[in-house]
Amino acid sequence: EICRWSSATNSEKQEILINSVARVQSRNISI
Protein backbone atom coordinates (compact mmCIF):
# COMPACT_ATOMS: atom_id res chain seq x y z
CA GLU A 1 0.00 0.00 0.00
CA ILE A 2 2.94 2.36 0.65
CA CYS A 3 4.24 1.96 -2.91
CA ARG A 4 0.83 2.92 -4.32
CA TRP A 5 0.62 5.84 -1.89
CA SER A 6 3.47 7.91 -3.36
CA SER A 7 1.92 7.87 -6.86
CA ALA A 8 -1.70 8.12 -5.71
CA THR A 9 -3.72 11.28 -6.29
CA ASN A 10 -5.46 13.01 -3.39
CA SER A 11 -8.80 11.37 -4.17
CA GLU A 12 -7.13 7.98 -4.35
CA LYS A 13 -5.45 8.66 -1.00
CA GLN A 14 -8.84 9.50 0.51
CA GLU A 15 -10.23 6.23 -0.82
CA ILE A 16 -7.31 4.27 0.62
CA LEU A 17 -7.76 5.97 4.00
CA ILE A 18 -11.52 5.31 4.03
CA ASN A 19 -10.95 1.68 3.10
CA SER A 20 -8.36 1.14 5.83
CA VAL A 21 -10.56 2.85 8.43
CA ALA A 22 -13.54 0.73 7.39
CA ARG A 23 -11.39 -2.39 7.66
CA VAL A 24 -10.34 -1.48 11.21
CA GLN A 25 -13.91 -0.65 12.25
CA SER A 26 -15.34 -3.92 10.92
CA ARG A 27 -12.54 -5.80 12.70
CA ASN A 28 -13.44 -4.05 15.96
CA ILE A 29 -17.13 -4.88 15.53
CA SER A 30 -16.41 -8.58 14.95
CA ILE A 31 -14.47 -8.69 18.24
PDB file of N, CA and C in Angstrom:
ATOM      1  N   GLU A   1       0.841  -1.198   0.000  1.00  0.00           N
ATOM      2  CA  GLU A   1       0.000   0.000   0.000  1.00  0.00           C
ATOM      3  C   GLU A   1       0.873   1.244   0.000  1.00  0.00           C
ATOM      4  N   ILE A   2       2.054   1.187   0.595  1.00  0.00           N
ATOM      5  CA  ILE A   2       2.940   2.355   0.647  1.00  0.00           C
ATOM      6  C   ILE A   2       3.421   2.712  -0.760  1.00  0.00           C
ATOM      7  N   CYS A   3       3.737   1.697  -1.553  1.00  0.00           N
ATOM      8  CA  CYS A   3       4.236   1.960  -2.913  1.00  0.00           C
ATOM      9  C   CYS A   3       3.178   2.698  -3.723  1.00  0.00           C
ATOM     10  N   ARG A   4       1.931   2.263  -3.614  1.00  0.00           N
ATOM     11  CA  ARG A   4       0.834   2.917  -4.325  1.00  0.00           C
ATOM     12  C   ARG A   4       0.667   4.339  -3.828  1.00  0.00           C
ATOM     13  N   TRP A   5       0.896   4.552  -2.534  1.00  0.00           N
ATOM     14  CA  TRP A   5       0.620   5.839  -1.887  1.00  0.00           C
ATOM     15  C   TRP A   5       1.360   6.992  -2.559  1.00  0.00           C
ATOM     16  N   SER A   6       2.646   6.809  -2.845  1.00  0.00           N
ATOM     17  CA  SER A   6       3.468   7.911  -3.364  1.00  0.00           C
ATOM     18  C   SER A   6       2.971   8.378  -4.722  1.00  0.00           C
ATOM     19  N   SER A   7       2.386   7.493  -5.523  1.00  0.00           N
ATOM     20  CA  SER A   7       1.920   7.872  -6.855  1.00  0.00           C
ATOM     21  C   SER A   7       0.417   8.113  -6.890  1.00  0.00           C
ATOM     22  N   ALA A   8      -0.247   7.959  -5.744  1.00  0.00           N
ATOM     23  CA  ALA A   8      -1.700   8.125  -5.711  1.00  0.00           C
ATOM     24  C   ALA A   8      -2.072   9.602  -5.700  1.00  0.00           C
ATOM     25  N   THR A   9      -3.197   9.910  -6.341  1.00  0.00           N
ATOM     26  CA  THR A   9      -3.718  11.276  -6.291  1.00  0.00           C
ATOM     27  C   THR A   9      -4.422  11.484  -4.952  1.00  0.00           C
ATOM     28  N   ASN A  10      -4.814  12.721  -4.671  1.00  0.00           N
ATOM     29  CA  ASN A  10      -5.464  13.011  -3.395  1.00  0.00           C
ATOM     30  C   ASN A  10      -6.750  12.208  -3.227  1.00  0.00           C
ATOM     31  N   SER A  11      -7.547  12.112  -4.283  1.00  0.00           N
ATOM     32  CA  SER A  11      -8.805  11.367  -4.171  1.00  0.00           C
ATOM     33  C   SER A  11      -8.532   9.889  -3.936  1.00  0.00           C
ATOM     34  N   GLU A  12      -7.475   9.381  -4.571  1.00  0.00           N
ATOM     35  CA  GLU A  12      -7.128   7.980  -4.346  1.00  0.00           C
ATOM     36  C   GLU A  12      -6.653   7.780  -2.913  1.00  0.00           C
ATOM     37  N   LYS A  13      -5.906   8.761  -2.387  1.00  0.00           N
ATOM     38  CA  LYS A  13      -5.451   8.664  -0.997  1.00  0.00           C
ATOM     39  C   LYS A  13      -6.647   8.647  -0.050  1.00  0.00           C
ATOM     40  N   GLN A  14      -7.647   9.490  -0.329  1.00  0.00           N
ATOM     41  CA  GLN A  14      -8.843   9.500   0.512  1.00  0.00           C
ATOM     42  C   GLN A  14      -9.512   8.134   0.492  1.00  0.00           C
ATOM     43  N   GLU A  15      -9.595   7.538  -0.708  1.00  0.00           N
ATOM     44  CA  GLU A  15     -10.230   6.226  -0.818  1.00  0.00           C
ATOM     45  C   GLU A  15      -9.464   5.190  -0.019  1.00  0.00           C
ATOM     46  N   ILE A  16      -8.134   5.227  -0.115  1.00  0.00           N
ATOM     47  CA  ILE A  16      -7.305   4.266   0.621  1.00  0.00           C
ATOM     48  C   ILE A  16      -7.514   4.446   2.127  1.00  0.00           C
ATOM     49  N   LEU A  17      -7.560   5.709   2.573  1.00  0.00           N
ATOM     50  CA  LEU A  17      -7.759   5.969   3.999  1.00  0.00           C
ATOM     51  C   LEU A  17      -9.107   5.451   4.457  1.00  0.00           C
ATOM     52  N   ILE A  18     -10.165   5.752   3.668  1.00  0.00           N
ATOM     53  CA  ILE A  18     -11.516   5.313   4.035  1.00  0.00           C
ATOM     54  C   ILE A  18     -11.575   3.795   4.105  1.00  0.00           C
ATOM     55  N   ASN A  19     -10.932   3.139   3.124  1.00  0.00           N
ATOM     56  CA  ASN A  19     -10.951   1.678   3.098  1.00  0.00           C
ATOM     57  C   ASN A  19     -10.245   1.101   4.320  1.00  0.00           C
ATOM     58  N   SER A  20      -9.099   1.671   4.686  1.00  0.00           N
ATOM     59  CA  SER A  20      -8.361   1.135   5.827  1.00  0.00           C
ATOM     60  C   SER A  20      -9.113   1.391   7.128  1.00  0.00           C
ATOM     61  N   VAL A  21      -9.758   2.558   7.231  1.00  0.00           N
ATOM     62  CA  VAL A  21     -10.558   2.852   8.430  1.00  0.00           C
ATOM     63  C   VAL A  21     -11.732   1.887   8.519  1.00  0.00           C
ATOM     64  N   ALA A  22     -12.403   1.649   7.397  1.00  0.00           N
ATOM     65  CA  ALA A  22     -13.544   0.731   7.389  1.00  0.00           C
ATOM     66  C   ALA A  22     -13.098  -0.668   7.785  1.00  0.00           C
ATOM     67  N   ARG A  23     -11.904  -1.068   7.324  1.00  0.00           N
ATOM     68  CA  ARG A  23     -11.394  -2.393   7.656  1.00  0.00           C
ATOM     69  C   ARG A  23     -11.181  -2.507   9.161  1.00  0.00           C
ATOM     70  N   VAL A  24     -10.604  -1.463   9.766  1.00  0.00           N
ATOM     71  CA  VAL A  24     -10.339  -1.483  11.205  1.00  0.00           C
ATOM     72  C   VAL A  24     -11.655  -1.512  11.977  1.00  0.00           C
ATOM     73  N   GLN A  25     -12.634  -0.710  11.538  1.00  0.00           N
ATOM     74  CA  GLN A  25     -13.908  -0.651  12.249  1.00  0.00           C
ATOM     75  C   GLN A  25     -14.624  -1.996  12.197  1.00  0.00           C
ATOM     76  N   SER A  26     -14.644  -2.638  11.030  1.00  0.00           N
ATOM     77  CA  SER A  26     -15.336  -3.923  10.923  1.00  0.00           C
ATOM     78  C   SER A  26     -14.621  -4.976  11.759  1.00  0.00           C
ATOM     79  N   ARG A  27     -13.293  -4.857  11.872  1.00  0.00           N
ATOM     80  CA  ARG A  27     -12.544  -5.797  12.699  1.00  0.00           C
ATOM     81  C   ARG A  27     -12.922  -5.593  14.160  1.00  0.00           C
ATOM     82  N   ASN A  28     -13.081  -4.327  14.577  1.00  0.00           N
ATOM     83  CA  ASN A  28     -13.443  -4.049  15.963  1.00  0.00           C
ATOM     84  C   ASN A  28     -14.840  -4.566  16.271  1.00  0.00           C
ATOM     85  N   ILE A  29     -15.758  -4.435  15.309  1.00  0.00           N
ATOM     86  CA  ILE A  29     -17.132  -4.876  15.531  1.00  0.00           C
ATOM     87  C   ILE A  29     -17.174  -6.390  15.698  1.00  0.00           C
ATOM     88  N   SER A  30     -16.374  -7.115  14.901  1.00  0.00           N
ATOM     89  CA  SER A  30     -16.408  -8.578  14.949  1.00  0.00           C
ATOM     90  C   SER A  30     -15.812  -9.095  16.254  1.00  0.00           C
ATOM     91  N   ILE A  31     -15.017  -8.293  16.936  1.00  0.00           N
ATOM     92  CA  ILE A  31     -14.465  -8.694  18.239  1.00  0.00           C
ATOM     93  C   ILE A  31     -15.507  -8.430  19.304  1.00  0.00           C
TER      94      ILE A  31
END
